[in-house]
Amino acid sequence: MITINEGTFSVTLMSRILKVSRSVTYDWKRHSLSKRNQANKALSENIKRIFDDGKARAGSPRITRRLQDEGVSADHN
């Protein structure tokens, strides 16, 4: 929410409204995603790409097969 509205509102105002300190907000912005979160984000993007390529008709078995064919370790869950 802060990142989306950063160009419109000041960090000070948003921090006050969200009842968090400015330092917490700046620490959060500097913090990078963990390796697990980065992997999950990449997997989600791949799943969306395959789903969109299949004209929104690909189910989990088909998406899993495509991911595995592309060398991505994945199961149907």
N, C-alpha and C. Protein backbone atom coordinates (compact mmCIF):
# COMPACT_ATOMS: atom_id res chain seq x y z
N MET A 1 0.82 -1.18 0.00
CA MET A 1 0.00 0.00 0.00
C MET A 1 0.87 1.26 0.00
N ILE A 2 1.91 1.23 0.81
CA ILE A 2 2.79 2.40 0.87
C ILE A 2 3.52 2.57 -0.45
N THR A 3 4.01 1.48 -1.02
CA THR A 3 4.73 1.57 -2.29
C THR A 3 3.83 2.10 -3.39
N ILE A 4 2.59 1.66 -3.44
CA ILE A 4 1.65 2.07 -4.48
C ILE A 4 1.35 3.57 -4.38
N ASN A 5 1.17 4.06 -3.16
CA ASN A 5 0.76 5.45 -2.96
C ASN A 5 1.91 6.40 -2.66
N GLU A 6 3.13 5.92 -2.79
CA GLU A 6 4.29 6.72 -2.42
C GLU A 6 4.40 8.01 -3.23
N GLY A 7 4.00 8.00 -4.47
CA GLY A 7 4.06 9.20 -5.29
C GLY A 7 2.98 10.21 -4.97
N THR A 8 1.92 9.75 -4.33
CA THR A 8 0.79 10.61 -4.03
C THR A 8 0.86 11.22 -2.63
N PHE A 9 1.25 10.40 -1.66
CA PHE A 9 1.27 10.83 -0.26
C PHE A 9 2.67 10.70 0.32
N SER A 10 2.95 11.46 1.34
CA SER A 10 4.26 11.37 1.99
C SER A 10 4.32 10.11 2.87
N VAL A 11 5.53 9.61 3.05
CA VAL A 11 5.72 8.44 3.90
C VAL A 11 5.29 8.78 5.33
N THR A 12 5.55 9.99 5.76
CA THR A 12 5.16 10.41 7.11
C THR A 12 3.66 10.30 7.30
N LEU A 13 2.89 10.82 6.36
CA LEU A 13 1.43 10.77 6.45
C LEU A 13 0.92 9.34 6.43
N MET A 14 1.43 8.54 5.50
CA MET A 14 0.97 7.15 5.41
C MET A 14 1.35 6.36 6.66
N SER A 15 2.53 6.61 7.20
CA SER A 15 2.95 5.92 8.43
C SER A 15 2.04 6.28 9.59
N ARG A 16 1.67 7.55 9.66
CA ARG A 16 0.78 7.99 10.73
C ARG A 16 -0.60 7.34 10.58
N ILE A 17 -1.12 7.30 9.37
CA ILE A 17 -2.44 6.71 9.14
C ILE A 17 -2.42 5.21 9.43
N LEU A 18 -1.34 4.53 9.03
CA LEU A 18 -1.24 3.09 9.25
C LEU A 18 -0.75 2.73 10.65
N LYS A 19 -0.41 3.76 11.42
CA LYS A 19 0.04 3.59 12.81
C LYS A 19 1.30 2.74 12.91
N VAL A 20 2.27 3.07 12.04
CA VAL A 20 3.61 2.48 12.11
C VAL A 20 4.61 3.62 12.08
N SER A 21 5.78 3.37 12.64
CA SER A 21 6.78 4.43 12.64
C SER A 21 7.40 4.55 11.25
N ARG A 22 7.93 5.73 10.97
CA ARG A 22 8.59 5.95 9.68
C ARG A 22 9.79 5.03 9.53
N SER A 23 10.52 4.80 10.61
CA SER A 23 11.70 3.94 10.53
C SER A 23 11.33 2.52 10.13
N VAL A 24 10.20 2.03 10.62
CA VAL A 24 9.73 0.69 10.23
C VAL A 24 9.41 0.67 8.74
N THR A 25 8.80 1.73 8.26
CA THR A 25 8.46 1.82 6.84
C THR A 25 9.71 1.81 5.98
N TYR A 26 10.71 2.60 6.35
CA TYR A 26 11.95 2.64 5.57
C TYR A 26 12.72 1.33 5.67
N ASP A 27 12.72 0.70 6.85
CA ASP A 27 13.37 -0.61 6.99
C ASP A 27 12.70 -1.63 6.09
N TRP A 28 11.36 -1.59 6.04
CA TRP A 28 10.61 -2.54 5.21
C TRP A 28 10.94 -2.34 3.72
N LYS A 29 11.08 -1.07 3.31
CA LYS A 29 11.38 -0.78 1.90
C LYS A 29 12.77 -1.29 1.52
N ARG A 30 13.73 -1.20 2.46
CA ARG A 30 15.09 -1.65 2.19
C ARG A 30 15.22 -3.17 2.24
N HIS A 31 14.31 -3.80 2.93
CA HIS A 31 14.39 -5.24 3.12
C HIS A 31 14.11 -5.96 1.81
N SER A 32 14.97 -6.91 1.47
CA SER A 32 14.75 -7.67 0.25
C SER A 32 13.96 -8.94 0.58
N LEU A 33 13.39 -9.52 -0.43
CA LEU A 33 12.62 -10.75 -0.25
C LEU A 33 13.56 -11.89 0.10
N SER A 34 13.06 -12.83 0.91
CA SER A 34 13.85 -14.01 1.22
C SER A 34 13.96 -14.88 -0.02
N LYS A 35 14.88 -15.81 0.00
CA LYS A 35 15.05 -16.70 -1.16
C LYS A 35 13.77 -17.48 -1.42
N ARG A 36 13.09 -17.91 -0.38
CA ARG A 36 11.83 -18.65 -0.53
C ARG A 36 10.77 -17.77 -1.19
N ASN A 37 10.66 -16.53 -0.74
CA ASN A 37 9.68 -15.61 -1.33
C ASN A 37 10.02 -15.30 -2.78
N GLN A 38 11.31 -15.16 -3.09
CA GLN A 38 11.72 -14.92 -4.48
C GLN A 38 11.36 -16.12 -5.35
N ALA A 39 11.59 -17.34 -4.83
CA ALA A 39 11.26 -18.55 -5.59
C ALA A 39 9.76 -18.66 -5.79
N ASN A 40 8.98 -18.37 -4.76
CA ASN A 40 7.52 -18.42 -4.88
C ASN A 40 7.01 -17.40 -5.88
N LYS A 41 7.60 -16.22 -5.87
CA LYS A 41 7.18 -15.18 -6.82
C LYS A 41 7.49 -15.61 -8.26
N ALA A 42 8.68 -16.17 -8.48
CA ALA A 42 9.04 -16.64 -9.82
C ALA A 42 8.12 -17.76 -10.26
N LEU A 43 7.80 -18.69 -9.36
CA LEU A 43 6.90 -19.79 -9.70
C LEU A 43 5.51 -19.26 -10.05
N SER A 44 5.02 -18.32 -9.27
CA SER A 44 3.70 -17.73 -9.55
C SER A 44 3.66 -17.05 -10.91
N GLU A 45 4.74 -16.35 -11.25
CA GLU A 45 4.80 -15.69 -12.56
C GLU A 45 4.81 -16.72 -13.68
N ASN A 46 5.54 -17.83 -13.50
CA ASN A 46 5.56 -18.89 -14.50
C ASN A 46 4.19 -19.54 -14.65
N ILE A 47 3.52 -19.78 -13.54
CA ILE A 47 2.19 -20.39 -13.59
C ILE A 47 1.23 -19.47 -14.33
N LYS A 48 1.26 -18.18 -14.02
CA LYS A 48 0.38 -17.23 -14.70
C LYS A 48 0.67 -17.19 -16.20
N ARG A 49 1.96 -17.20 -16.56
CA ARG A 49 2.34 -17.18 -17.98
C ARG A 49 1.77 -18.40 -18.70
N ILE A 50 1.95 -19.57 -18.11
CA ILE A 50 1.46 -20.81 -18.74
C ILE A 50 -0.06 -20.79 -18.82
N PHE A 51 -0.72 -20.34 -17.76
CA PHE A 51 -2.18 -20.27 -17.75
C PHE A 51 -2.67 -19.33 -18.85
N ASP A 52 -2.03 -18.17 -18.98
CA ASP A 52 -2.43 -17.21 -20.01
C ASP A 52 -2.13 -17.75 -21.41
N ASP A 53 -0.99 -18.43 -21.58
CA ASP A 53 -0.66 -19.03 -22.88
C ASP A 53 -1.70 -20.06 -23.29
N GLY A 54 -2.27 -20.76 -22.31
CA GLY A 54 -3.28 -21.78 -22.58
C GLY A 54 -4.68 -21.21 -22.68
N LYS A 55 -4.79 -19.91 -22.85
CA LYS A 55 -6.07 -19.21 -22.99
C LYS A 55 -6.98 -19.47 -21.79
N ALA A 56 -6.37 -19.50 -20.62
CA ALA A 56 -7.08 -19.66 -19.35
C ALA A 56 -7.81 -20.99 -19.25
N ARG A 57 -7.30 -22.00 -19.95
CA ARG A 57 -7.94 -23.31 -19.90
C ARG A 57 -7.05 -24.38 -19.29
N ALA A 58 -5.81 -24.04 -18.96
CA ALA A 58 -4.88 -25.03 -18.43
C ALA A 58 -5.16 -25.26 -16.95
N GLY A 59 -5.30 -26.52 -16.58
CA GLY A 59 -5.49 -26.87 -15.17
C GLY A 59 -4.16 -27.22 -14.53
N SER A 60 -4.21 -27.59 -13.27
CA SER A 60 -2.97 -27.86 -12.54
C SER A 60 -2.15 -29.00 -13.14
N PRO A 61 -2.75 -30.10 -13.63
CA PRO A 61 -1.91 -31.15 -14.23
C PRO A 61 -1.15 -30.66 -15.47
N ARG A 62 -1.82 -29.91 -16.32
CA ARG A 62 -1.19 -29.40 -17.54
C ARG A 62 -0.10 -28.38 -17.20
N ILE A 63 -0.39 -27.50 -16.25
CA ILE A 63 0.59 -26.49 -15.85
C ILE A 63 1.80 -27.18 -15.23
N THR A 64 1.56 -28.19 -14.40
CA THR A 64 2.67 -28.93 -13.78
C THR A 64 3.55 -29.58 -14.83
N ARG A 65 2.94 -30.22 -15.82
CA ARG A 65 3.72 -30.84 -16.90
C ARG A 65 4.55 -29.82 -17.66
N ARG A 66 3.95 -28.68 -17.98
CA ARG A 66 4.70 -27.63 -18.69
C ARG A 66 5.86 -27.12 -17.87
N LEU A 67 5.64 -26.90 -16.58
CA LEU A 67 6.72 -26.44 -15.71
C LEU A 67 7.85 -27.46 -15.68
N GLN A 68 7.49 -28.73 -15.54
CA GLN A 68 8.51 -29.79 -15.50
C GLN A 68 9.23 -29.89 -16.83
N ASP A 69 8.52 -29.73 -17.94
CA ASP A 69 9.15 -29.75 -19.26
C ASP A 69 10.15 -28.60 -19.41
N GLU A 70 9.87 -27.49 -18.74
CA GLU A 70 10.76 -26.32 -18.78
C GLU A 70 11.89 -26.42 -17.76
N GLY A 71 11.91 -27.50 -17.00
CA GLY A 71 12.98 -27.71 -16.04
C GLY A 71 12.73 -27.11 -14.67
N VAL A 72 11.49 -26.71 -14.40
CA VAL A 72 11.14 -26.15 -13.10
C VAL A 72 10.63 -27.28 -12.22
N SER A 73 11.20 -27.39 -11.02
CA SER A 73 10.76 -28.41 -10.08
C SER A 73 9.41 -28.00 -9.50
N ALA A 74 8.37 -28.77 -9.79
CA ALA A 74 7.04 -28.43 -9.33
C ALA A 74 6.17 -29.67 -9.26
N ASP A 75 5.19 -29.63 -8.37
CA ASP A 75 4.17 -30.68 -8.34
C ASP A 75 2.81 -30.01 -8.44
N HIS A 76 1.75 -30.80 -8.47
CA HIS A 76 0.42 -30.22 -8.73
C HIS A 76 -0.09 -29.34 -7.58
N ASN A 77 0.53 -29.40 -6.44
CA ASN A 77 0.10 -28.54 -5.31
C ASN A 77 0.71 -27.17 -5.46
